[in-house]
Amino acid sequence: MDDSISTNHNPHRRRDPPHRRRSWCCSFAVPPHSPENPAFSHPKPPRKPETLFKSFANSPQQTTRLGLVGRILSPGRVSPIDSDPTLQEPRVSVSLPSPIPDANSQSRSEGLQNSRPEPERGAGEEGNLGVFDVRLNLKGKSGGTLVLELNSEVLSANSEVFEGLIANYRKSRSDLGGSSLCRIEVPEVEKLNVFRETIELMFEQDISKRLLKIGAYRSIDILEVSAGIMFTRGVLSCLRYLESVPWSEEEEDKLRSLFNRYNFDEATSGDILARLHSLDSVHSQQTLARQLVWSITTCTNANARNELKSLVKGLLSKSSVYEKNYPDINKEDLYNVCQSCVDSLVSLFEEATGSNSNSKLGEKDSDKPLVERISKQVDNINWLLEILLDRQMAEEFVNIWAEQRDLLQMHENASAMVRYELSRVSAMLFIALGTRKLHCRTEVRLGLLEAWFGPMLLDFGWLQRCRKGLDMRALEEAMGQALLTLPLKQQYALFMEWFRCFSKNGTECPNLSKAFQIWWRRSFLRGSESCAIESR
């Protein structure tokens, strides 16, 4: 930086030679009692200044606490604040906006606290800075203090706010006479370090290079302060830098919050707004989601299809980390895709059983084995069913699956290595019913179990050998619980069917012994327990 200052801790002490002068002198702790620092032995609180300027427009209301105590008198001379009798004169007090709260503000300020003073520049180098005729006193929210002595021409040229404050102060002092030093006090500053860095940028010729070292996270804080004090050059530099770099999730949230509270010029902030807010309508997003679902169900690459299923399911899930202000896909679109997959499955089973010799396949699937094509459609149906269950929209699919009479008829004639794929869909519905994730009326549950309970008993052995991610223990438990939700009379018929199959095939059938015992106890209660239930 081109700015420099000279240090003088006591007006009566001999000043240091020019070659030993320092720039941007800073300290963040109260100086110890020392004969060399008599002014700090018993500091006196200055009289509360008169408030001439209350607040800026668009000043945010959010606040944080910054536990720092320090002073930076630069570029210019350093003198004890409380030992200067002119501090008792009136000064301008202004409330400025502060950056978004930073949870890591304490750790981020270590670089400033541990900074070492740079070697002083000669007197000739500071000629372009002029006289340091403005004392900017920053009061932290928690009581910390930061004092900057600056050049009024630099402040006025870079900040419309400070230009007006300096002009008003000088106008009010011209009638009263006295010191020409303009005193501006800024109370309730949230982050002293960020405010100091913003002021430093006024003395930079190329702000962009400085922002490269600061980083995106800190630049957002500087952008907020620059907007509050109307530092136009700083605002433009921050916007250009932030638009050109990638953001983390935290940085994106900070920017979104900042743009919600400040109105930036559309010409300069349009690129950032385009990254933050989509200009498309809700209908466009629903159309895109429908296209994604359709594309996945027709994808021919198995690995890519599985990867994309996980991606899109996470985006459409109600438990997604992404906030949903409106529906991203409607129920009708999902059921259209489901019906298409079920129709394709029917066509494939017609081919497998020879029921329809006129069925034709798409060119992209004609070279795939029949078993693989059937398995793909079943995977698609189960994936769509997971989305429907997550959104609590799967009740209608239970009706659709229970009414597949053609598939039920072809199940009896199809090979065991093909037909068990149908029971994978039934298994998912049984698990959803038995684990209370799917709620249907009694007649709907009865229709599903009467249609697909028998095929499940036949295919259970194949499901055990070709699980494809299916939890067989969970399936057995859920099947028993689903049966117990029916009226006792219907339970009797289904449990007897299971009993005959299990006694014949053993472990090739699901073990529903636990549910069978519960059904027996409920069906044949006698004596006082039965009377008590009837009375209730």
Protein backbone atom coordinates (compact mmCIF):
# COMPACT_ATOMS: atom_id res chain seq x y z
CA MET A 1 0.00 0.00 0.00
CA ASP A 2 1.07 3.56 -0.61
CA ASP A 3 -0.07 4.92 2.72
CA SER A 4 2.27 5.56 5.64
CA ILE A 5 2.16 7.10 9.09
CA SER A 6 4.45 8.35 11.80
CA THR A 7 4.20 7.30 15.44
CA ASN A 8 4.19 9.62 18.43
CA HIS A 9 2.87 8.17 21.70
CA ASN A 10 3.29 11.46 23.63
CA PRO A 11 3.22 15.02 22.39
CA HIS A 12 6.21 15.93 24.66
CA ARG A 13 8.48 13.12 23.50
CA ARG A 14 11.07 13.55 20.78
CA ARG A 15 9.80 12.31 17.46
CA ASP A 16 11.57 9.37 15.77
CA PRO A 17 13.75 9.91 12.71
CA PRO A 18 11.96 9.49 9.37
CA HIS A 19 13.67 6.20 8.56
CA ARG A 20 12.18 4.58 11.68
CA ARG A 21 8.57 5.58 10.99
CA ARG A 22 5.91 2.86 10.83
CA SER A 23 2.77 2.28 8.69
CA TRP A 24 -0.65 1.04 9.88
CA CYS A 25 0.30 0.77 13.52
CA CYS A 26 -2.11 -1.50 15.36
CA SER A 27 -2.62 -3.11 18.77
CA PHE A 28 -5.47 -5.18 20.15
CA ALA A 29 -4.91 -5.09 23.88
CA VAL A 30 -4.90 -2.31 26.46
CA PRO A 31 -1.26 -1.16 26.90
CA PRO A 32 0.30 -2.07 30.26
CA HIS A 33 1.05 0.52 32.93
CA SER A 34 4.40 1.99 32.04
CA PRO A 35 6.27 5.29 32.47
CA GLU A 36 6.45 5.37 28.67
CA ASN A 37 2.65 5.22 28.39
CA PRO A 38 1.34 7.61 31.05
CA ALA A 39 -1.72 8.40 28.99
CA PHE A 40 -2.97 4.85 29.34
CA SER A 41 -2.45 4.53 33.10
CA HIS A 42 -5.94 5.82 33.95
CA PRO A 43 -8.00 6.23 30.78
CA LYS A 44 -11.04 8.44 30.95
CA PRO A 45 -14.12 7.66 28.89
CA PRO A 46 -14.79 10.37 26.33
CA ARG A 47 -18.00 12.33 26.44
CA LYS A 48 -20.74 10.78 24.30
CA PRO A 49 -20.74 12.63 20.95
CA GLU A 50 -23.72 14.25 19.40
CA THR A 51 -25.39 12.10 16.76
CA LEU A 52 -25.68 14.03 13.47
CA PHE A 53 -26.43 11.05 11.21
CA LYS A 54 -28.55 8.18 12.38
CA SER A 55 -28.50 5.39 9.78
CA PHE A 56 -28.19 4.60 6.11
CA ALA A 57 -30.99 3.32 3.92
CA ASN A 58 -31.04 -0.47 3.59
CA SER A 59 -29.13 -0.81 6.83
CA PRO A 60 -29.46 -4.45 7.95
CA GLN A 61 -30.80 -5.25 11.38
CA GLN A 62 -28.73 -8.41 12.03
CA THR A 63 -25.91 -8.02 14.54
CA THR A 64 -23.02 -9.98 16.00
CA ARG A 65 -20.54 -9.38 18.80
CA LEU A 66 -16.84 -8.86 18.13
CA GLY A 67 -14.60 -8.99 21.18
CA LEU A 68 -11.66 -6.87 19.99
CA VAL A 69 -10.05 -3.83 21.57
CA GLY A 70 -7.55 -1.99 19.40
CA ARG A 71 -6.62 1.08 17.40
CA ILE A 72 -5.15 1.74 14.04
CA LEU A 73 -4.21 5.34 13.34
CA SER A 74 -3.22 5.33 9.73
CA PRO A 75 -2.12 6.62 7.40
CA GLY A 76 -0.92 9.45 9.69
CA ARG A 77 0.29 10.08 13.17
CA VAL A 78 -0.51 7.99 16.26
CA SER A 79 -1.40 9.61 19.54
CA PRO A 80 -3.18 8.43 22.69
CA ILE A 81 -6.90 8.83 22.16
CA ASP A 82 -7.84 9.87 25.67
CA SER A 83 -4.86 12.17 26.18
CA ASP A 84 -5.97 14.42 23.31
CA PRO A 85 -8.12 17.21 24.79
CA THR A 86 -9.80 17.80 21.47
CA LEU A 87 -11.64 14.47 21.85
CA GLN A 88 -14.04 16.28 24.13
CA GLU A 89 -15.27 18.32 21.18
CA PRO A 90 -18.44 17.35 19.30
CA ARG A 91 -17.99 14.85 16.50
CA VAL A 92 -20.12 13.12 13.89
CA SER A 93 -21.65 9.84 15.06
CA VAL A 94 -23.01 7.52 12.40
CA SER A 95 -24.58 4.07 12.38
CA LEU A 96 -23.22 1.91 9.56
CA PRO A 97 -24.37 -1.49 8.29
CA SER A 98 -22.25 -4.44 9.23
CA PRO A 99 -21.53 -7.77 7.54
CA ILE A 100 -23.38 -11.03 8.06
CA PRO A 101 -22.45 -12.77 11.33
CA ASP A 102 -19.35 -14.93 10.95
CA ALA A 103 -19.03 -17.91 13.28
CA ASN A 104 -15.26 -17.93 12.69
CA SER A 105 -14.72 -14.19 13.15
CA GLN A 106 -12.38 -14.73 16.09
CA SER A 107 -10.09 -17.09 14.21
CA ARG A 108 -10.25 -14.97 11.06
CA SER A 109 -9.02 -11.91 12.98
CA GLU A 110 -5.81 -13.60 14.15
CA GLY A 111 -4.00 -12.42 11.05
CA LEU A 112 -4.67 -8.80 11.96
CA GLN A 113 -3.83 -9.25 15.63
CA ASN A 114 -0.49 -10.88 14.87
CA SER A 115 0.47 -8.57 12.01
CA ARG A 116 3.83 -6.82 12.26
CA PRO A 117 4.35 -3.17 11.23
CA GLU A 118 5.97 -2.70 7.86
CA PRO A 119 9.09 -0.52 7.42
CA GLU A 120 8.28 3.19 7.12
CA ARG A 121 8.42 4.95 3.84
CA GLY A 122 10.12 8.25 3.42
CA ALA A 123 8.32 11.53 3.67
CA GLY A 124 8.44 12.02 -0.05
CA GLU A 125 6.38 8.86 -0.64
CA GLU A 126 3.39 10.14 1.32
CA GLY A 127 3.13 13.45 -0.43
CA ASN A 128 0.28 12.24 -2.56
CA LEU A 129 -1.81 11.40 0.56
CA GLY A 130 -1.94 14.96 1.79
CA VAL A 131 -2.89 15.83 5.37
CA PHE A 132 -4.50 13.19 7.59
CA ASP A 133 -7.36 15.37 8.69
CA VAL A 134 -10.06 12.77 9.48
CA ARG A 135 -10.18 10.64 12.60
CA LEU A 136 -12.53 7.68 12.11
CA ASN A 137 -13.47 6.12 15.45
CA LEU A 138 -15.08 2.66 15.04
CA LYS A 139 -16.97 1.34 18.06
CA GLY A 140 -17.46 -2.42 18.12
CA LYS A 141 -20.71 -3.97 19.17
CA SER A 142 -19.10 -5.50 22.26
CA GLY A 143 -17.10 -2.42 23.20
CA GLY A 144 -13.99 -2.83 21.07
CA THR A 145 -12.51 0.28 19.50
CA LEU A 146 -10.62 0.88 16.28
CA VAL A 147 -9.33 4.36 15.34
CA LEU A 148 -8.16 5.34 11.85
CA GLU A 149 -6.62 8.69 10.91
CA LEU A 150 -7.21 9.19 7.21
CA ASN A 151 -7.08 11.67 4.41
CA SER A 152 -10.38 13.43 3.78
CA GLU A 153 -9.78 13.67 0.03
CA VAL A 154 -9.40 9.88 -0.27
CA LEU A 155 -12.51 9.23 1.83
CA SER A 156 -14.61 11.78 -0.05
CA ALA A 157 -13.46 10.54 -3.45
CA ASN A 158 -14.36 6.91 -2.66
CA SER A 159 -17.41 7.08 -0.39
CA GLU A 160 -20.50 9.18 -0.93
CA VAL A 161 -21.47 8.67 2.69
CA PHE A 162 -18.19 9.92 4.12
CA GLU A 163 -18.14 12.76 1.59
CA GLY A 164 -21.44 14.04 2.98
CA LEU A 165 -20.38 13.54 6.60
CA ILE A 166 -17.10 15.38 6.13
CA ALA A 167 -18.82 18.26 4.33
CA ASN A 168 -21.46 18.60 7.06
CA TYR A 169 -18.86 18.45 9.82
CA ARG A 170 -16.71 21.16 8.27
CA LYS A 171 -19.74 23.32 7.65
CA SER A 172 -20.78 23.06 11.29
CA ARG A 173 -17.22 23.68 12.52
CA SER A 174 -16.57 26.67 10.29
CA ASP A 175 -18.92 28.79 12.37
CA LEU A 176 -17.52 27.60 15.70
CA GLY A 177 -13.82 27.60 14.86
CA GLY A 178 -11.35 25.31 16.62
CA SER A 179 -9.55 22.23 15.38
CA SER A 180 -9.69 21.35 11.68
CA LEU A 181 -9.51 17.61 12.46
CA CYS A 182 -12.77 16.00 11.37
CA ARG A 183 -13.97 13.40 13.86
CA ILE A 184 -16.41 10.69 12.73
CA GLU A 185 -17.62 8.03 15.12
CA VAL A 186 -19.25 4.81 13.89
CA PRO A 187 -20.97 2.87 16.72
CA GLU A 188 -22.29 -0.69 16.73
CA VAL A 189 -19.81 -2.06 14.16
CA GLU A 190 -20.18 -5.82 13.87
CA LYS A 191 -16.75 -6.65 12.44
CA LEU A 192 -14.00 -4.16 12.99
CA ASN A 193 -11.51 -6.06 10.85
CA VAL A 194 -13.80 -6.16 7.83
CA PHE A 195 -14.51 -2.43 8.12
CA ARG A 196 -10.77 -1.72 8.33
CA GLU A 197 -10.06 -3.88 5.27
CA THR A 198 -12.75 -2.02 3.34
CA ILE A 199 -11.19 1.34 4.20
CA GLU A 200 -7.76 0.01 3.18
CA LEU A 201 -9.11 -0.84 -0.27
CA MET A 202 -9.74 2.87 -0.85
CA PHE A 203 -5.96 3.35 -0.95
CA GLU A 204 -5.46 0.48 -3.42
CA GLN A 205 -5.07 1.23 -7.11
CA ASP A 206 -5.93 -2.35 -8.14
CA ILE A 207 -8.56 -3.72 -5.76
CA SER A 208 -8.96 -6.94 -7.75
CA LYS A 209 -5.45 -8.14 -6.89
CA ARG A 210 -6.13 -7.56 -3.20
CA LEU A 211 -9.40 -9.51 -3.41
CA LEU A 212 -7.55 -12.49 -4.91
CA LYS A 213 -5.61 -12.74 -1.66
CA ILE A 214 -8.64 -12.09 0.55
CA GLY A 215 -10.83 -14.83 -0.98
CA ALA A 216 -14.51 -15.10 -1.79
CA TYR A 217 -15.81 -15.56 1.78
CA ARG A 218 -14.18 -12.36 3.05
CA SER A 219 -15.00 -10.47 -0.14
CA ILE A 220 -18.72 -10.96 0.51
CA ASP A 221 -18.32 -9.25 3.89
CA ILE A 222 -16.37 -6.42 2.26
CA LEU A 223 -19.07 -6.10 -0.41
CA GLU A 224 -21.68 -5.55 2.30
CA VAL A 225 -19.67 -2.86 4.05
CA SER A 226 -18.81 -1.22 0.71
CA ALA A 227 -22.51 -1.10 -0.18
CA GLY A 228 -23.34 0.41 3.22
CA ILE A 229 -20.83 3.28 2.93
CA MET A 230 -21.48 3.67 -0.84
CA PHE A 231 -17.92 2.75 -1.79
CA THR A 232 -18.75 2.30 -5.48
CA ARG A 233 -15.31 1.21 -6.64
CA GLY A 234 -15.21 -1.45 -3.91
CA VAL A 235 -18.70 -2.71 -4.76
CA LEU A 236 -17.89 -3.07 -8.45
CA SER A 237 -14.59 -4.83 -7.76
CA CYS A 238 -16.21 -7.27 -5.34
CA LEU A 239 -19.04 -8.06 -7.74
CA ARG A 240 -16.64 -8.67 -10.63
CA TYR A 241 -14.43 -10.90 -8.48
CA LEU A 242 -17.30 -12.90 -6.98
CA GLU A 243 -18.89 -13.48 -10.37
CA SER A 244 -15.66 -15.00 -11.72
CA VAL A 245 -15.02 -17.58 -8.97
CA PRO A 246 -16.90 -20.71 -7.81
CA TRP A 247 -18.77 -20.54 -4.49
CA SER A 248 -19.16 -22.96 -1.66
CA GLU A 249 -22.63 -23.65 -0.22
CA GLU A 250 -21.91 -21.29 2.68
CA GLU A 251 -20.71 -18.51 0.37
CA GLU A 252 -23.77 -18.92 -1.82
CA ASP A 253 -26.06 -18.59 1.21
CA LYS A 254 -24.21 -15.42 2.30
CA LEU A 255 -24.56 -13.91 -1.16
CA ARG A 256 -28.24 -14.82 -1.39
CA SER A 257 -28.91 -13.21 1.98
CA LEU A 258 -26.95 -10.10 1.00
CA PHE A 259 -28.81 -9.66 -2.29
CA ASN A 260 -32.12 -10.02 -0.46
CA ARG A 261 -31.24 -7.05 1.75
CA TYR A 262 -29.46 -4.75 -0.73
CA ASN A 263 -30.47 -3.52 -4.16
CA PHE A 264 -27.45 -3.54 -6.45
CA ASP A 265 -27.36 -2.10 -9.94
CA GLU A 266 -28.74 -4.72 -12.31
CA ALA A 267 -26.14 -3.98 -14.97
CA THR A 268 -23.28 -4.85 -12.62
CA SER A 269 -24.92 -7.59 -10.55
CA GLY A 270 -26.90 -9.32 -13.31
CA ASP A 271 -24.35 -12.12 -13.77
CA ILE A 272 -24.37 -12.98 -10.08
CA LEU A 273 -28.17 -12.82 -9.92
CA ALA A 274 -28.31 -15.20 -12.85
CA ARG A 275 -26.29 -17.71 -10.82
CA LEU A 276 -28.42 -17.22 -7.70
CA HIS A 277 -31.95 -17.17 -9.12
CA SER A 278 -33.46 -19.12 -11.97
CA LEU A 279 -35.54 -17.08 -14.39
CA ASP A 280 -37.57 -20.11 -15.46
CA SER A 281 -41.10 -20.70 -14.23
CA VAL A 282 -42.37 -23.47 -11.97
CA HIS A 283 -43.88 -25.15 -15.01
CA SER A 284 -40.43 -25.31 -16.62
CA GLN A 285 -38.97 -27.07 -13.59
CA GLN A 286 -41.79 -29.61 -13.55
CA THR A 287 -41.24 -30.24 -17.26
CA LEU A 288 -37.52 -30.77 -16.66
CA ALA A 289 -38.16 -33.17 -13.78
CA ARG A 290 -40.57 -35.18 -15.95
CA GLN A 291 -37.99 -35.34 -18.73
CA LEU A 292 -35.32 -36.56 -16.30
CA VAL A 293 -37.56 -39.36 -15.02
CA TRP A 294 -38.46 -40.43 -18.55
CA SER A 295 -34.81 -40.39 -19.59
CA ILE A 296 -33.75 -42.62 -16.70
CA THR A 297 -36.43 -45.23 -17.39
CA THR A 298 -35.27 -45.45 -21.02
CA CYS A 299 -31.52 -45.38 -20.29
CA THR A 300 -29.71 -48.40 -21.76
CA ASN A 301 -26.47 -48.22 -19.76
CA ALA A 302 -27.00 -50.07 -16.46
CA ASN A 303 -24.23 -48.34 -14.50
CA ALA A 304 -25.25 -44.88 -15.66
CA ARG A 305 -28.91 -45.66 -14.99
CA ASN A 306 -28.22 -46.69 -11.39
CA GLU A 307 -26.09 -43.60 -10.78
CA LEU A 308 -28.71 -41.27 -12.23
CA LYS A 309 -31.49 -42.95 -10.27
CA SER A 310 -29.71 -42.18 -7.03
CA LEU A 311 -29.10 -38.59 -8.13
CA VAL A 312 -32.65 -37.80 -9.26
CA LYS A 313 -34.27 -39.62 -6.35
CA GLY A 314 -32.23 -37.49 -3.95
CA LEU A 315 -33.31 -34.31 -5.73
CA LEU A 316 -36.99 -35.25 -5.77
CA SER A 317 -37.06 -36.67 -2.24
CA LYS A 318 -39.07 -34.75 0.36
CA SER A 319 -36.20 -35.24 2.81
CA SER A 320 -33.74 -33.64 0.39
CA VAL A 321 -31.36 -31.00 1.75
CA TYR A 322 -32.55 -28.69 -1.03
CA GLU A 323 -35.37 -26.42 0.06
CA LYS A 324 -38.58 -26.89 -1.91
CA ASN A 325 -40.81 -23.85 -2.26
CA TYR A 326 -43.08 -25.53 -4.80
CA PRO A 327 -43.65 -29.02 -6.26
CA ASP A 328 -40.86 -30.10 -8.62
CA ILE A 329 -42.91 -32.91 -10.25
CA ASN A 330 -46.60 -33.64 -10.04
CA LYS A 331 -48.41 -36.89 -9.33
CA GLU A 332 -49.85 -37.25 -12.81
CA ASP A 333 -46.43 -37.17 -14.44
CA LEU A 334 -45.10 -39.88 -12.14
CA TYR A 335 -48.07 -42.16 -12.78
CA ASN A 336 -47.76 -41.67 -16.54
CA VAL A 337 -44.20 -42.97 -16.35
CA CYS A 338 -45.29 -45.83 -14.07
CA GLN A 339 -48.03 -46.88 -16.46
CA SER A 340 -45.60 -46.82 -19.36
CA CYS A 341 -43.19 -49.10 -17.48
CA VAL A 342 -46.00 -51.52 -16.54
CA ASP A 343 -47.15 -51.63 -20.16
CA SER A 344 -43.61 -52.39 -21.29
CA LEU A 345 -43.42 -55.17 -18.69
CA VAL A 346 -46.64 -56.70 -20.03
CA SER A 347 -45.21 -56.66 -23.57
CA LEU A 348 -42.02 -58.35 -22.39
CA PHE A 349 -43.95 -61.12 -20.64
CA GLU A 350 -46.04 -61.62 -23.74
CA GLU A 351 -42.80 -62.19 -25.58
CA ALA A 352 -41.54 -64.53 -22.86
CA THR A 353 -44.69 -66.66 -22.90
CA GLY A 354 -45.40 -66.36 -26.64
CA SER A 355 -48.77 -64.81 -25.93
CA ASN A 356 -48.39 -62.13 -28.60
CA SER A 357 -46.14 -62.81 -31.55
CA ASN A 358 -46.81 -59.37 -33.04
CA SER A 359 -45.18 -57.48 -30.17
CA LYS A 360 -42.25 -55.36 -31.38
CA LEU A 361 -39.35 -53.95 -29.46
CA GLY A 362 -37.43 -50.76 -29.87
CA GLU A 363 -34.17 -51.02 -31.77
CA LYS A 364 -32.13 -49.96 -28.75
CA ASP A 365 -33.44 -52.93 -26.67
CA SER A 366 -33.60 -55.59 -29.38
CA ASP A 367 -30.04 -56.80 -28.76
CA LYS A 368 -30.52 -57.26 -24.99
CA PRO A 369 -31.47 -60.63 -23.42
CA LEU A 370 -35.10 -60.93 -22.43
CA VAL A 371 -34.29 -61.53 -18.76
CA GLU A 372 -32.22 -58.36 -18.64
CA ARG A 373 -34.95 -56.29 -20.26
CA ILE A 374 -37.56 -57.58 -17.81
CA SER A 375 -35.28 -56.89 -14.86
CA LYS A 376 -34.68 -53.33 -16.13
CA GLN A 377 -38.41 -52.56 -16.23
CA VAL A 378 -38.94 -54.02 -12.75
CA ASP A 379 -36.05 -51.86 -11.46
CA ASN A 380 -37.69 -48.81 -13.03
CA ILE A 381 -41.06 -49.59 -11.43
CA ASN A 382 -39.52 -50.11 -8.00
CA TRP A 383 -37.52 -46.88 -8.32
CA LEU A 384 -40.65 -44.93 -9.21
CA LEU A 385 -42.48 -46.65 -6.36
CA GLU A 386 -39.81 -45.44 -3.93
CA ILE A 387 -40.43 -41.86 -5.06
CA LEU A 388 -44.20 -42.31 -4.74
CA LEU A 389 -43.84 -43.78 -1.24
CA ASP A 390 -41.59 -40.92 -0.18
CA ARG A 391 -44.20 -38.43 -1.37
CA GLN A 392 -47.08 -40.52 0.06
CA MET A 393 -48.64 -40.93 -3.39
CA ALA A 394 -48.42 -44.71 -3.80
CA GLU A 395 -52.02 -45.66 -2.94
CA GLU A 396 -53.18 -45.59 -6.55
CA PHE A 397 -50.29 -47.80 -7.64
CA VAL A 398 -51.58 -50.53 -5.32
CA ASN A 399 -54.78 -50.56 -7.37
CA ILE A 400 -52.85 -50.57 -10.63
CA TRP A 401 -50.73 -53.55 -9.58
CA ALA A 402 -53.65 -55.50 -8.08
CA GLU A 403 -55.57 -55.26 -11.38
CA GLN A 404 -52.84 -56.69 -13.61
CA ARG A 405 -54.82 -59.75 -14.66
CA ASP A 406 -52.74 -60.34 -17.79
CA LEU A 407 -49.51 -60.43 -15.80
CA LEU A 408 -51.08 -62.79 -13.26
CA GLN A 409 -52.15 -65.16 -15.99
CA MET A 410 -48.75 -65.05 -17.71
CA HIS A 411 -47.04 -65.59 -14.34
CA GLU A 412 -48.49 -69.11 -14.25
CA ASN A 413 -47.02 -69.98 -17.68
CA ALA A 414 -43.69 -68.14 -17.50
CA SER A 415 -40.37 -69.66 -16.52
CA ALA A 416 -39.47 -69.42 -12.83
CA MET A 417 -36.29 -67.46 -13.64
CA VAL A 418 -38.44 -64.79 -15.28
CA ARG A 419 -41.66 -64.72 -13.30
CA TYR A 420 -40.00 -64.05 -9.93
CA GLU A 421 -39.26 -60.53 -11.20
CA LEU A 422 -42.94 -59.71 -10.80
CA SER A 423 -42.79 -60.71 -7.14
CA ARG A 424 -40.03 -58.12 -6.61
CA VAL A 425 -42.66 -55.43 -7.19
CA SER A 426 -45.14 -57.20 -4.92
CA ALA A 427 -42.45 -57.54 -2.25
CA MET A 428 -41.92 -53.79 -2.17
CA LEU A 429 -45.64 -53.18 -1.74
CA PHE A 430 -45.91 -55.81 1.02
CA ILE A 431 -42.99 -54.24 2.91
CA ALA A 432 -44.54 -50.77 2.61
CA LEU A 433 -47.88 -52.08 3.96
CA GLY A 434 -46.30 -54.05 6.81
CA THR A 435 -44.04 -51.19 7.92
CA ARG A 436 -46.85 -48.57 7.90
CA LYS A 437 -45.35 -46.57 5.02
CA LEU A 438 -48.36 -47.20 2.82
CA HIS A 439 -51.94 -46.65 3.93
CA CYS A 440 -54.79 -48.11 1.90
CA ARG A 441 -58.40 -48.97 2.43
CA THR A 442 -59.32 -52.52 3.42
CA GLU A 443 -60.67 -53.50 0.00
CA VAL A 444 -57.50 -52.23 -1.69
CA ARG A 445 -55.23 -54.21 0.64
CA LEU A 446 -57.42 -57.29 0.22
CA GLY A 447 -57.30 -56.99 -3.58
CA LEU A 448 -53.52 -56.77 -3.60
CA LEU A 449 -52.99 -59.74 -1.25
CA GLU A 450 -55.55 -61.95 -2.95
CA ALA A 451 -53.91 -61.29 -6.32
CA TRP A 452 -50.18 -61.49 -5.49
CA PHE A 453 -49.88 -63.47 -2.23
CA GLY A 454 -49.99 -66.81 -4.05
CA PRO A 455 -47.35 -65.86 -6.67
CA MET A 456 -45.14 -64.61 -3.85
CA LEU A 457 -45.28 -68.05 -2.16
CA LEU A 458 -44.17 -69.67 -5.43
CA ASP A 459 -41.35 -67.18 -6.13
CA PHE A 460 -39.96 -66.85 -2.59
CA GLY A 461 -37.22 -69.42 -3.20
CA TRP A 462 -35.99 -67.57 -6.28
CA LEU A 463 -36.13 -64.28 -4.41
CA GLN A 464 -33.85 -65.76 -1.75
CA ARG A 465 -31.32 -66.78 -4.39
CA CYS A 466 -31.58 -63.58 -6.44
CA ARG A 467 -32.27 -60.94 -3.83
CA LYS A 468 -31.05 -57.87 -5.74
CA GLY A 469 -30.96 -55.83 -2.56
CA LEU A 470 -34.15 -57.25 -1.07
CA ASP A 471 -34.17 -57.85 2.70
CA MET A 472 -35.83 -61.27 3.05
CA ARG A 473 -36.26 -61.05 6.83
CA ALA A 474 -38.01 -57.72 6.45
CA LEU A 475 -40.19 -59.20 3.69
CA GLU A 476 -41.28 -62.15 5.87
CA GLU A 477 -42.12 -59.87 8.80
CA ALA A 478 -43.97 -57.38 6.58
CA MET A 479 -46.01 -60.07 4.83
CA GLY A 480 -47.29 -61.34 8.17
CA GLN A 481 -48.11 -57.83 9.37
CA ALA A 482 -49.90 -57.02 6.10
CA LEU A 483 -52.06 -60.15 6.44
CA LEU A 484 -52.99 -59.19 9.99
CA THR A 485 -54.49 -55.89 8.76
CA LEU A 486 -57.29 -57.78 6.99
CA PRO A 487 -60.56 -58.97 8.55
CA LEU A 488 -60.15 -62.30 10.37
CA LYS A 489 -62.23 -64.16 7.80
CA GLN A 490 -59.91 -63.12 4.95
CA GLN A 491 -56.88 -63.77 7.13
CA TYR A 492 -58.09 -67.37 7.57
CA ALA A 493 -58.07 -68.11 3.82
CA LEU A 494 -54.62 -66.61 3.22
CA PHE A 495 -53.00 -68.16 6.31
CA MET A 496 -54.34 -71.57 5.34
CA GLU A 497 -52.85 -71.13 1.86
CA TRP A 498 -49.49 -70.28 3.44
CA PHE A 499 -49.72 -73.24 5.86
CA ARG A 500 -50.24 -75.75 3.03
CA CYS A 501 -47.38 -74.28 0.97
CA PHE A 502 -44.97 -74.12 3.90
CA SER A 503 -45.73 -77.69 4.97
CA LYS A 504 -44.90 -78.82 1.43
CA ASN A 505 -41.90 -76.63 0.48
CA GLY A 506 -40.41 -75.63 3.84
CA THR A 507 -37.78 -72.88 3.55
CA GLU A 508 -38.73 -72.24 -0.07
CA CYS A 509 -41.72 -70.42 1.42
CA PRO A 510 -41.70 -67.41 3.75
CA ASN A 511 -41.86 -68.19 7.44
CA LEU A 512 -45.01 -66.53 8.77
CA SER A 513 -45.20 -68.54 12.01
CA LYS A 514 -45.20 -65.49 14.25
CA ALA A 515 -48.07 -63.83 12.39
CA PHE A 516 -49.92 -67.16 12.26
CA GLN A 517 -49.77 -67.43 16.07
CA ILE A 518 -51.15 -63.92 16.43
CA TRP A 519 -53.98 -64.73 14.03
CA TRP A 520 -54.76 -67.95 15.94
CA ARG A 521 -54.90 -66.16 19.29
CA ARG A 522 -57.13 -63.41 17.94
CA SER A 523 -59.45 -65.85 16.16
CA PHE A 524 -60.03 -68.32 18.98
CA LEU A 525 -60.12 -66.20 22.14
CA ARG A 526 -62.53 -67.62 24.71
CA GLY A 527 -63.91 -66.65 28.10
CA SER A 528 -63.38 -63.33 29.82
CA GLU A 529 -60.95 -61.91 27.28
CA SER A 530 -63.43 -62.35 24.45
CA CYS A 531 -66.23 -60.82 26.52
CA ALA A 532 -64.06 -57.85 27.45
CA ILE A 533 -63.24 -57.19 23.83
CA GLU A 534 -66.90 -57.44 22.80
CA SER A 535 -67.94 -55.05 25.58
CA ARG A 536 -65.38 -52.50 24.41
